[in-house]
Protein backbone atom coordinates (compact mmCIF):
# COMPACT_ATOMS: atom_id res chain seq x y z
CA VAL A 1 79.57 95.62 102.49
CA PHE A 2 77.65 98.83 103.03
CA GLN A 3 77.80 101.83 105.33
CA LYS A 4 74.67 103.28 106.89
CA GLY A 5 73.69 106.54 105.21
CA HIS A 6 75.62 105.76 102.01
CA HIS A 7 74.29 104.17 98.84
CA GLU A 8 77.54 102.61 97.68
CA ILE A 9 77.65 98.83 97.96
CA ARG A 10 80.91 96.89 97.84
CA GLU A 11 81.27 93.17 97.38
CA LEU A 12 83.80 91.26 99.44
CA ARG A 13 84.94 87.75 98.52
CA GLN A 14 86.99 85.50 100.73
CA PHE A 15 88.79 82.43 99.42
CA HIS A 16 90.46 79.66 101.39
CA PHE A 17 93.20 77.45 99.95
CA THR A 18 92.89 74.37 102.13
CA SER A 19 95.28 71.98 100.36
CA TRP A 20 98.51 73.37 101.82
CA PRO A 21 100.20 70.81 104.09
CA ASP A 22 100.83 71.62 107.75
CA HIS A 23 104.60 71.34 107.23
CA GLY A 24 106.67 72.05 104.14
CA VAL A 25 105.27 72.73 100.71
CA PRO A 26 102.91 70.82 98.39
CA CYS A 27 104.51 68.15 96.20
CA TYR A 28 102.90 69.66 93.10
CA ALA A 29 101.87 73.22 92.24
CA THR A 30 98.76 72.21 90.28
CA GLY A 31 96.31 72.79 93.13
CA LEU A 32 97.72 76.20 93.99
CA LEU A 33 97.85 77.27 90.33
CA GLY A 34 94.21 76.24 89.88
CA PHE A 35 93.28 78.25 92.97
CA ILE A 36 95.09 81.34 91.64
CA ARG A 37 93.32 80.97 88.27
CA GLN A 38 89.94 80.76 90.01
CA VAL A 39 90.62 83.86 92.15
CA LYS A 40 91.77 85.86 89.09
CA PHE A 41 88.72 84.72 87.11
CA LEU A 42 86.29 85.81 89.84
CA ASN A 43 88.05 89.12 90.53
CA PRO A 44 86.67 91.85 88.22
CA PRO A 45 89.21 94.03 86.35
CA ASP A 46 88.03 97.19 88.16
CA ALA A 47 88.33 95.61 91.62
CA GLY A 48 90.89 96.71 94.16
CA PRO A 49 93.99 94.75 95.09
CA ILE A 50 93.94 91.15 96.27
CA VAL A 51 95.03 90.71 99.88
CA ALA A 52 96.66 87.42 100.87
CA HIS A 53 97.15 86.25 104.44
CA CYS A 54 99.33 83.32 105.44
CA ARG A 55 99.15 81.75 108.87
């Protein structure tokens, strides 16, 4: 992401967890835990906060 007239460049990453069932909760947490591990791994230590949005 960049703003015209400024030299600062920011990277924005968007992740989608698509294994959540339409109703209820997943039978096992393994998929969600793997997703969280992947997001944490790809998020640099100096990055801002992680924003989560649920439908």
